[in-house]
Amino acid sequence: MNKVWKFGDNIDTDIIIAARYLNTSDENILAKHIMEDADPNFSTKIDKGDIIVAGENFGCGSSREHAPIALKAAGIGAVIAKSYARIFYRNSFNTGLLILEIKETDEINAGDKLKIDVDNGVIINLTSGKEYKFSPIPPFMQELLNAGGLIEYAKAKMEQK
């Protein structure tokens, strides 16, 4: 059961992690600055496993991997949006950040408690009692998530040889 933080449409990668922090790849530093331009204290308010719910075109803008890395490092358990920018979508799986698409994000409110059942493709809003179906995550993408991202997946495959 994780708390929802709500954002609107067209949340770009500069909102997720401002360009002024891209001079580092230190995940701990990036995590302290997520969503800072939308809410300067955001990183201090969230708890591990909290969920961002947004509208259309989440992660638009630049193709930097810093955005999903920062979200994951900050403890965001998942992002649920109506749609994603294509590069952000792929970068999220490559970095091990769970992202899900549903059209009903307007029905989910800030502060709601959600439970995500990845295996059965269901998001349960424990606050409202509503359930939302999402398309199953393709097997390879699920392997990336389970491994913690592409680099960890590749390391595991190399160790198997």
N, C-alpha and C. Protein backbone atom coordinates (compact mmCIF):
# COMPACT_ATOMS: atom_id res chain seq x y z
N MET A 1 0.86 -1.17 0.00
CA MET A 1 0.00 0.00 0.00
C MET A 1 0.90 1.23 0.00
N ASN A 2 0.74 2.02 -1.06
CA ASN A 2 1.62 3.17 -1.21
C ASN A 2 0.82 4.43 -1.53
N LYS A 3 1.32 5.57 -1.05
CA LYS A 3 0.64 6.85 -1.19
C LYS A 3 0.88 7.46 -2.56
N VAL A 4 -0.15 8.14 -3.06
CA VAL A 4 -0.11 8.79 -4.37
C VAL A 4 0.32 10.24 -4.25
N TRP A 5 1.18 10.64 -5.17
CA TRP A 5 1.55 12.04 -5.41
C TRP A 5 1.09 12.35 -6.82
N LYS A 6 0.31 13.39 -6.98
CA LYS A 6 -0.37 13.65 -8.24
C LYS A 6 0.28 14.80 -9.02
N PHE A 7 0.46 14.58 -10.31
CA PHE A 7 0.98 15.58 -11.23
C PHE A 7 0.12 15.57 -12.50
N GLY A 8 0.23 16.61 -13.30
CA GLY A 8 -0.61 16.76 -14.48
C GLY A 8 -0.01 16.20 -15.75
N ASP A 9 -0.36 16.83 -16.85
CA ASP A 9 0.12 16.42 -18.18
C ASP A 9 1.49 17.04 -18.47
N ASN A 10 2.19 16.41 -19.41
CA ASN A 10 3.44 16.95 -19.97
C ASN A 10 4.50 17.27 -18.91
N ILE A 11 4.65 16.38 -17.95
CA ILE A 11 5.72 16.53 -16.97
C ILE A 11 7.01 16.11 -17.67
N ASP A 12 7.86 17.10 -17.94
CA ASP A 12 9.06 16.78 -18.72
C ASP A 12 10.23 16.41 -17.81
N THR A 13 11.29 15.95 -18.45
CA THR A 13 12.44 15.47 -17.68
C THR A 13 13.12 16.61 -16.92
N ASP A 14 12.94 17.86 -17.36
CA ASP A 14 13.50 18.99 -16.62
C ASP A 14 12.73 19.24 -15.33
N ILE A 15 11.46 18.89 -15.29
CA ILE A 15 10.69 18.98 -14.04
C ILE A 15 11.09 17.81 -13.13
N ILE A 16 11.24 16.62 -13.70
CA ILE A 16 11.60 15.45 -12.90
C ILE A 16 12.96 15.67 -12.23
N ILE A 17 13.95 16.07 -13.00
CA ILE A 17 15.26 16.41 -12.45
C ILE A 17 15.82 17.55 -13.30
N ALA A 18 15.95 18.70 -12.68
CA ALA A 18 16.37 19.91 -13.39
C ALA A 18 17.77 19.76 -13.98
N ALA A 19 17.98 20.38 -15.13
CA ALA A 19 19.25 20.29 -15.84
C ALA A 19 20.43 20.73 -14.98
N ARG A 20 20.20 21.62 -14.02
CA ARG A 20 21.31 22.11 -13.19
C ARG A 20 21.94 21.01 -12.33
N TYR A 21 21.28 19.86 -12.24
CA TYR A 21 21.82 18.74 -11.45
C TYR A 21 22.43 17.64 -12.31
N LEU A 22 22.52 17.88 -13.60
CA LEU A 22 23.00 16.83 -14.49
C LEU A 22 24.52 16.73 -14.56
N ASN A 23 25.19 17.51 -13.75
CA ASN A 23 26.65 17.41 -13.70
C ASN A 23 27.10 16.29 -12.77
N THR A 24 26.15 15.52 -12.26
CA THR A 24 26.49 14.38 -11.40
C THR A 24 25.69 13.16 -11.85
N SER A 25 26.26 12.02 -11.60
CA SER A 25 25.52 10.78 -11.81
C SER A 25 25.29 10.08 -10.47
N ASP A 26 25.59 10.78 -9.39
CA ASP A 26 25.40 10.24 -8.04
C ASP A 26 23.90 10.16 -7.76
N GLU A 27 23.39 8.95 -7.67
CA GLU A 27 21.96 8.73 -7.48
C GLU A 27 21.43 9.39 -6.22
N ASN A 28 22.21 9.42 -5.16
CA ASN A 28 21.76 10.03 -3.90
C ASN A 28 21.56 11.53 -4.03
N ILE A 29 22.44 12.18 -4.79
CA ILE A 29 22.28 13.61 -5.02
C ILE A 29 21.07 13.86 -5.91
N LEU A 30 20.94 13.10 -6.98
CA LEU A 30 19.79 13.26 -7.88
C LEU A 30 18.48 13.06 -7.13
N ALA A 31 18.44 12.06 -6.26
CA ALA A 31 17.22 11.74 -5.51
C ALA A 31 16.74 12.91 -4.66
N LYS A 32 17.66 13.69 -4.15
CA LYS A 32 17.29 14.82 -3.29
C LYS A 32 16.63 15.97 -4.06
N HIS A 33 16.69 15.91 -5.37
CA HIS A 33 16.21 17.04 -6.18
C HIS A 33 15.07 16.69 -7.13
N ILE A 34 14.45 15.51 -6.97
CA ILE A 34 13.37 15.16 -7.89
C ILE A 34 12.18 16.10 -7.72
N MET A 35 11.59 16.44 -8.82
CA MET A 35 10.38 17.26 -8.90
C MET A 35 10.53 18.60 -8.17
N GLU A 36 11.76 19.02 -7.96
CA GLU A 36 12.05 20.21 -7.17
C GLU A 36 11.43 21.48 -7.73
N ASP A 37 11.39 21.61 -9.06
CA ASP A 37 10.82 22.82 -9.64
C ASP A 37 9.29 22.83 -9.58
N ALA A 38 8.69 21.68 -9.39
CA ALA A 38 7.23 21.60 -9.20
C ALA A 38 6.88 21.74 -7.72
N ASP A 39 7.71 21.18 -6.86
CA ASP A 39 7.50 21.22 -5.41
C ASP A 39 8.88 21.16 -4.74
N PRO A 40 9.39 22.30 -4.28
CA PRO A 40 10.76 22.35 -3.75
C PRO A 40 11.05 21.36 -2.62
N ASN A 41 10.04 20.91 -1.90
CA ASN A 41 10.25 19.98 -0.79
C ASN A 41 9.81 18.56 -1.09
N PHE A 42 9.55 18.27 -2.36
CA PHE A 42 8.99 16.97 -2.72
C PHE A 42 9.81 15.80 -2.18
N SER A 43 11.12 15.85 -2.37
CA SER A 43 11.94 14.70 -1.98
C SER A 43 11.92 14.44 -0.48
N THR A 44 11.59 15.44 0.32
CA THR A 44 11.53 15.25 1.77
C THR A 44 10.16 14.75 2.24
N LYS A 45 9.17 14.83 1.38
CA LYS A 45 7.81 14.43 1.73
C LYS A 45 7.50 12.97 1.42
N ILE A 46 8.20 12.41 0.46
CA ILE A 46 7.85 11.07 -0.01
C ILE A 46 8.41 9.98 0.91
N ASP A 47 7.74 8.85 0.86
CA ASP A 47 8.21 7.65 1.55
C ASP A 47 8.58 6.61 0.51
N LYS A 48 9.47 5.73 0.88
CA LYS A 48 9.87 4.65 -0.03
C LYS A 48 8.64 3.89 -0.49
N GLY A 49 8.52 3.72 -1.80
CA GLY A 49 7.41 2.99 -2.38
C GLY A 49 6.25 3.87 -2.82
N ASP A 50 6.29 5.17 -2.50
CA ASP A 50 5.21 6.06 -2.94
C ASP A 50 5.12 6.06 -4.46
N ILE A 51 3.96 6.48 -4.95
CA ILE A 51 3.64 6.37 -6.38
C ILE A 51 3.31 7.75 -6.94
N ILE A 52 3.87 8.05 -8.09
CA ILE A 52 3.51 9.25 -8.82
C ILE A 52 2.42 8.87 -9.83
N VAL A 53 1.33 9.65 -9.83
CA VAL A 53 0.25 9.47 -10.81
C VAL A 53 0.17 10.76 -11.61
N ALA A 54 0.15 10.62 -12.92
CA ALA A 54 0.17 11.80 -13.79
C ALA A 54 -0.74 11.60 -14.99
N GLY A 55 -0.79 12.63 -15.81
CA GLY A 55 -1.63 12.61 -17.00
C GLY A 55 -0.90 12.10 -18.23
N GLU A 56 -1.08 12.83 -19.32
CA GLU A 56 -0.50 12.45 -20.61
C GLU A 56 0.97 12.85 -20.70
N ASN A 57 1.72 12.08 -21.49
CA ASN A 57 3.06 12.46 -21.95
C ASN A 57 4.07 12.66 -20.82
N PHE A 58 4.02 11.82 -19.80
CA PHE A 58 4.98 11.91 -18.70
C PHE A 58 6.38 11.60 -19.22
N GLY A 59 7.36 12.40 -18.82
CA GLY A 59 8.75 12.15 -19.20
C GLY A 59 9.13 12.70 -20.55
N CYS A 60 8.34 13.63 -21.08
CA CYS A 60 8.68 14.24 -22.36
C CYS A 60 9.93 15.11 -22.19
N GLY A 61 10.44 15.61 -23.28
CA GLY A 61 11.63 16.46 -23.20
C GLY A 61 12.87 15.70 -23.60
N SER A 62 13.94 15.91 -22.89
CA SER A 62 15.22 15.30 -23.27
C SER A 62 15.21 13.80 -23.01
N SER A 63 16.19 13.16 -23.57
CA SER A 63 16.27 11.69 -23.47
C SER A 63 17.13 11.23 -22.31
N ARG A 64 17.43 12.12 -21.38
CA ARG A 64 18.36 11.77 -20.30
C ARG A 64 17.83 10.64 -19.41
N GLU A 65 18.71 9.73 -19.08
CA GLU A 65 18.35 8.64 -18.16
C GLU A 65 18.31 9.12 -16.71
N HIS A 66 18.82 10.31 -16.45
CA HIS A 66 18.84 10.83 -15.09
C HIS A 66 17.44 10.86 -14.47
N ALA A 67 16.41 11.12 -15.30
CA ALA A 67 15.05 11.27 -14.76
C ALA A 67 14.55 9.98 -14.09
N PRO A 68 14.50 8.85 -14.79
CA PRO A 68 14.05 7.64 -14.10
C PRO A 68 15.02 7.17 -13.02
N ILE A 69 16.30 7.41 -13.21
CA ILE A 69 17.28 7.03 -12.18
C ILE A 69 17.00 7.81 -10.90
N ALA A 70 16.75 9.11 -11.02
CA ALA A 70 16.49 9.94 -9.85
C ALA A 70 15.21 9.51 -9.13
N LEU A 71 14.15 9.22 -9.90
CA LEU A 71 12.89 8.77 -9.30
C LEU A 71 13.08 7.48 -8.52
N LYS A 72 13.74 6.53 -9.16
CA LYS A 72 13.98 5.25 -8.50
C LYS A 72 14.85 5.42 -7.25
N ALA A 73 15.91 6.21 -7.38
CA ALA A 73 16.82 6.42 -6.25
C ALA A 73 16.13 7.10 -5.08
N ALA A 74 15.14 7.94 -5.38
CA ALA A 74 14.40 8.64 -4.32
C ALA A 74 13.41 7.72 -3.61
N GLY A 75 13.19 6.54 -4.18
CA GLY A 75 12.29 5.58 -3.55
C GLY A 75 10.91 5.51 -4.18
N ILE A 76 10.70 6.21 -5.29
CA ILE A 76 9.41 6.12 -5.98
C ILE A 76 9.23 4.67 -6.44
N GLY A 77 8.13 4.06 -6.02
CA GLY A 77 7.88 2.66 -6.32
C GLY A 77 7.34 2.43 -7.71
N ALA A 78 6.64 3.42 -8.25
CA ALA A 78 6.06 3.30 -9.59
C ALA A 78 5.58 4.67 -10.05
N VAL A 79 5.46 4.80 -11.35
CA VAL A 79 4.79 5.94 -11.95
C VAL A 79 3.64 5.38 -12.76
N ILE A 80 2.47 5.97 -12.57
CA ILE A 80 1.28 5.58 -13.32
C ILE A 80 0.83 6.82 -14.08
N ALA A 81 0.73 6.70 -15.39
CA ALA A 81 0.33 7.85 -16.21
C ALA A 81 -0.55 7.38 -17.36
N LYS A 82 -1.22 8.35 -17.98
CA LYS A 82 -2.04 8.03 -19.16
C LYS A 82 -1.17 7.63 -20.33
N SER A 83 -0.01 8.29 -20.47
CA SER A 83 0.93 7.96 -21.54
C SER A 83 2.31 8.49 -21.16
N TYR A 84 3.32 7.98 -21.87
CA TYR A 84 4.71 8.34 -21.61
C TYR A 84 5.39 8.75 -22.90
N ALA A 85 6.38 9.62 -22.77
CA ALA A 85 7.27 9.86 -23.89
C ALA A 85 8.02 8.56 -24.15
N ARG A 86 8.21 8.23 -25.41
CA ARG A 86 8.77 6.92 -25.77
C ARG A 86 10.15 6.68 -25.15
N ILE A 87 11.02 7.66 -25.19
CA ILE A 87 12.38 7.45 -24.66
C ILE A 87 12.34 7.28 -23.14
N PHE A 88 11.50 8.06 -22.46
CA PHE A 88 11.37 7.91 -21.01
C PHE A 88 10.86 6.51 -20.68
N TYR A 89 9.90 6.03 -21.46
CA TYR A 89 9.34 4.69 -21.25
C TYR A 89 10.46 3.65 -21.25
N ARG A 90 11.27 3.68 -22.28
CA ARG A 90 12.34 2.69 -22.40
C ARG A 90 13.42 2.90 -21.32
N ASN A 91 13.79 4.15 -21.08
CA ASN A 91 14.79 4.42 -20.04
C ASN A 91 14.32 3.94 -18.67
N SER A 92 13.02 4.02 -18.41
CA SER A 92 12.50 3.58 -17.12
C SER A 92 12.74 2.08 -16.93
N PHE A 93 12.41 1.30 -17.92
CA PHE A 93 12.64 -0.14 -17.81
C PHE A 93 14.13 -0.45 -17.75
N ASN A 94 14.93 0.30 -18.53
CA ASN A 94 16.37 0.08 -18.52
C ASN A 94 16.99 0.37 -17.16
N THR A 95 16.36 1.26 -16.40
CA THR A 95 16.89 1.60 -15.07
C THR A 95 16.16 0.87 -13.94
N GLY A 96 15.15 0.09 -14.30
CA GLY A 96 14.43 -0.70 -13.30
C GLY A 96 13.30 0.03 -12.59
N LEU A 97 12.80 1.12 -13.20
CA LEU A 97 11.68 1.87 -12.62
C LEU A 97 10.37 1.35 -13.21
N LEU A 98 9.46 0.92 -12.36
CA LEU A 98 8.16 0.43 -12.80
C LEU A 98 7.29 1.59 -13.26
N ILE A 99 6.82 1.52 -14.50
CA ILE A 99 5.86 2.50 -15.01
C ILE A 99 4.69 1.75 -15.62
N LEU A 100 3.50 2.29 -15.39
CA LEU A 100 2.28 1.65 -15.88
C LEU A 100 1.40 2.69 -16.55
N GLU A 101 0.67 2.24 -17.57
CA GLU A 101 -0.25 3.13 -18.28
C GLU A 101 -1.69 2.71 -18.02
N ILE A 102 -2.47 3.69 -17.59
CA ILE A 102 -3.92 3.53 -17.53
C ILE A 102 -4.54 4.87 -17.93
N LYS A 103 -5.73 4.83 -18.48
CA LYS A 103 -6.40 6.06 -18.91
C LYS A 103 -7.13 6.76 -17.77
N GLU A 104 -7.37 6.07 -16.67
CA GLU A 104 -8.21 6.61 -15.59
C GLU A 104 -7.46 7.34 -14.50
N THR A 105 -6.31 7.92 -14.80
CA THR A 105 -5.53 8.57 -13.75
C THR A 105 -6.28 9.74 -13.10
N ASP A 106 -7.25 10.32 -13.81
CA ASP A 106 -8.02 11.43 -13.24
C ASP A 106 -8.87 10.97 -12.05
N GLU A 107 -9.14 9.67 -11.97
CA GLU A 107 -9.95 9.12 -10.88
C GLU A 107 -9.14 8.87 -9.61
N ILE A 108 -7.83 8.98 -9.72
CA ILE A 108 -6.94 8.73 -8.57
C ILE A 108 -6.51 10.08 -8.02
N ASN A 109 -6.63 10.25 -6.71
CA ASN A 109 -6.34 11.53 -6.07
C ASN A 109 -5.05 11.49 -5.27
N ALA A 110 -4.45 12.65 -5.10
CA ALA A 110 -3.28 12.78 -4.23
C ALA A 110 -3.65 12.25 -2.85
N GLY A 111 -2.77 11.46 -2.27
CA GLY A 111 -3.01 10.91 -0.94
C GLY A 111 -3.70 9.57 -0.93
N ASP A 112 -4.31 9.17 -2.07
CA ASP A 112 -4.92 7.85 -2.13
C ASP A 112 -3.86 6.79 -1.87
N LYS A 113 -4.29 5.65 -1.38
CA LYS A 113 -3.41 4.51 -1.16
C LYS A 113 -3.66 3.49 -2.26
N LEU A 114 -2.60 3.07 -2.93
CA LEU A 114 -2.72 2.11 -4.03
C LEU A 114 -1.94 0.84 -3.73
N LYS A 115 -2.44 -0.22 -4.30
CA LYS A 115 -1.72 -1.50 -4.30
C LYS A 115 -1.61 -1.93 -5.76
N ILE A 116 -0.41 -2.27 -6.18
CA ILE A 116 -0.18 -2.69 -7.56
C ILE A 116 0.10 -4.18 -7.57
N ASP A 117 -0.70 -4.90 -8.34
CA ASP A 117 -0.51 -6.34 -8.53
C ASP A 117 0.00 -6.53 -9.96
N VAL A 118 1.33 -6.52 -10.11
CA VAL A 118 1.95 -6.60 -11.43
C VAL A 118 1.59 -7.91 -12.12
N ASP A 119 1.61 -9.01 -11.38
CA ASP A 119 1.37 -10.32 -11.98
C ASP A 119 -0.02 -10.43 -12.60
N ASN A 120 -1.00 -9.80 -11.99
CA ASN A 120 -2.38 -9.88 -12.50
C ASN A 120 -2.82 -8.63 -13.26
N GLY A 121 -1.93 -7.67 -13.41
CA GLY A 121 -2.24 -6.47 -14.18
C GLY A 121 -3.33 -5.61 -13.59
N VAL A 122 -3.30 -5.43 -12.26
CA VAL A 122 -4.35 -4.68 -11.58
C VAL A 122 -3.75 -3.66 -10.61
N ILE A 123 -4.31 -2.46 -10.64
CA ILE A 123 -4.02 -1.43 -9.63
C ILE A 123 -5.28 -1.31 -8.79
N ILE A 124 -5.14 -1.45 -7.49
CA ILE A 124 -6.28 -1.35 -6.58
C ILE A 124 -6.14 -0.06 -5.78
N ASN A 125 -7.15 0.79 -5.89
CA ASN A 125 -7.19 2.01 -5.10
C ASN A 125 -7.87 1.65 -3.79
N LEU A 126 -7.08 1.49 -2.76
CA LEU A 126 -7.61 1.08 -1.46
C LEU A 126 -8.44 2.18 -0.82
N THR A 127 -8.27 3.41 -1.25
CA THR A 127 -9.02 4.54 -0.72
C THR A 127 -10.44 4.57 -1.29
N SER A 128 -10.56 4.41 -2.60
CA SER A 128 -11.87 4.49 -3.26
C SER A 128 -12.51 3.13 -3.51
N GLY A 129 -11.71 2.08 -3.46
CA GLY A 129 -12.22 0.75 -3.75
C GLY A 129 -12.23 0.40 -5.24
N LYS A 130 -11.81 1.33 -6.09
CA LYS A 130 -11.81 1.07 -7.54
C LYS A 130 -10.59 0.26 -7.94
N GLU A 131 -10.78 -0.50 -9.01
CA GLU A 131 -9.68 -1.28 -9.58
C GLU A 131 -9.48 -0.87 -11.02
N TYR A 132 -8.22 -0.88 -11.45
CA TYR A 132 -7.87 -0.49 -12.81
C TYR A 132 -6.98 -1.57 -13.41
N LYS A 133 -7.30 -1.95 -14.62
CA LYS A 133 -6.51 -2.95 -15.34
C LYS A 133 -5.46 -2.25 -16.18
N PHE A 134 -4.28 -2.84 -16.26
CA PHE A 134 -3.26 -2.33 -17.16
C PHE A 134 -2.74 -3.50 -18.00
N SER A 135 -2.20 -3.15 -19.15
CA SER A 135 -1.67 -4.19 -20.04
C SER A 135 -0.49 -4.88 -19.38
N PRO A 136 -0.42 -6.19 -19.56
CA PRO A 136 0.70 -6.92 -18.95
C PRO A 136 2.04 -6.38 -19.45
N ILE A 137 3.00 -6.41 -18.57
CA ILE A 137 4.35 -5.99 -18.95
C ILE A 137 4.97 -7.14 -19.74
N PRO A 138 5.51 -6.85 -20.92
CA PRO A 138 6.12 -7.93 -21.72
C PRO A 138 7.19 -8.67 -20.90
N PRO A 139 7.32 -9.96 -21.14
CA PRO A 139 8.25 -10.78 -20.34
C PRO A 139 9.67 -10.22 -20.23
N PHE A 140 10.23 -9.76 -21.35
CA PHE A 140 11.60 -9.25 -21.28
C PHE A 140 11.68 -7.99 -20.42
N MET A 141 10.67 -7.12 -20.55
CA MET A 141 10.66 -5.90 -19.74
C MET A 141 10.51 -6.27 -18.26
N GLN A 142 9.74 -7.30 -17.97
CA GLN A 142 9.59 -7.76 -16.59
C GLN A 142 10.92 -8.29 -16.06
N GLU A 143 11.68 -8.97 -16.93
CA GLU A 143 13.00 -9.44 -16.52
C GLU A 143 13.91 -8.27 -16.16
N LEU A 144 13.84 -7.19 -16.95
CA LEU A 144 14.65 -6.01 -16.66
C LEU A 144 14.28 -5.43 -15.29
N LEU A 145 12.97 -5.30 -15.04
CA LEU A 145 12.51 -4.78 -13.75
C LEU A 145 12.97 -5.66 -12.60
N ASN A 146 12.79 -6.97 -12.76
CA ASN A 146 13.15 -7.91 -11.70
C ASN A 146 14.65 -7.87 -11.39
N ALA A 147 15.45 -7.62 -12.42
CA ALA A 147 16.90 -7.57 -12.24
C ALA A 147 17.36 -6.24 -11.66
N GLY A 148 16.52 -5.22 -11.71
CA GLY A 148 16.90 -3.89 -11.23
C GLY A 148 17.38 -2.98 -12.34
N GLY A 149 17.15 -3.38 -13.59
CA GLY A 149 17.53 -2.57 -14.74
C GLY A 149 18.43 -3.33 -15.69
N LEU A 150 18.72 -2.70 -16.81
CA LEU A 150 19.48 -3.34 -17.89
C LEU A 150 20.90 -3.73 -17.47
N ILE A 151 21.57 -2.86 -16.74
CA ILE A 151 22.95 -3.17 -16.35
C ILE A 151 22.99 -4.39 -15.43
N GLU A 152 22.10 -4.42 -14.45
CA GLU A 152 22.07 -5.58 -13.55
C GLU A 152 21.64 -6.84 -14.29
N TYR A 153 20.73 -6.70 -15.24
CA TYR A 153 20.29 -7.83 -16.06
C TYR A 153 21.48 -8.39 -16.85
N ALA A 154 22.25 -7.48 -17.48
CA ALA A 154 23.40 -7.90 -18.27
C ALA A 154 24.46 -8.56 -17.39
N LYS A 155 24.71 -8.01 -16.22
CA LYS A 155 25.68 -8.61 -15.29
C LYS A 155 25.27 -10.05 -14.93
N ALA A 156 23.99 -10.22 -14.65
CA ALA A 156 23.49 -11.56 -14.29
C ALA A 156 23.66 -12.53 -15.45
N LYS A 157 23.38 -12.07 -16.65
CA LYS A 157 23.53 -12.93 -17.84
C LYS A 157 25.00 -13.31 -18.06
N MET A 158 25.89 -12.35 -17.82
CA MET A 158 27.32 -12.62 -17.98
C MET A 158 27.81 -13.64 -16.97
N GLU A 159 27.26 -13.57 -15.76
CA GLU A 159 27.67 -14.50 -14.71
C GLU A 159 27.16 -15.91 -14.99
N GLN A 160 26.09 -16.03 -15.77
CA GLN A 160 25.54 -17.35 -16.09
C GLN A 160 26.40 -18.09 -17.11
N LYS A 161 27.24 -17.36 -17.81
CA LYS A 161 28.05 -17.99 -18.88
C LYS A 161 29.28 -18.66 -18.34
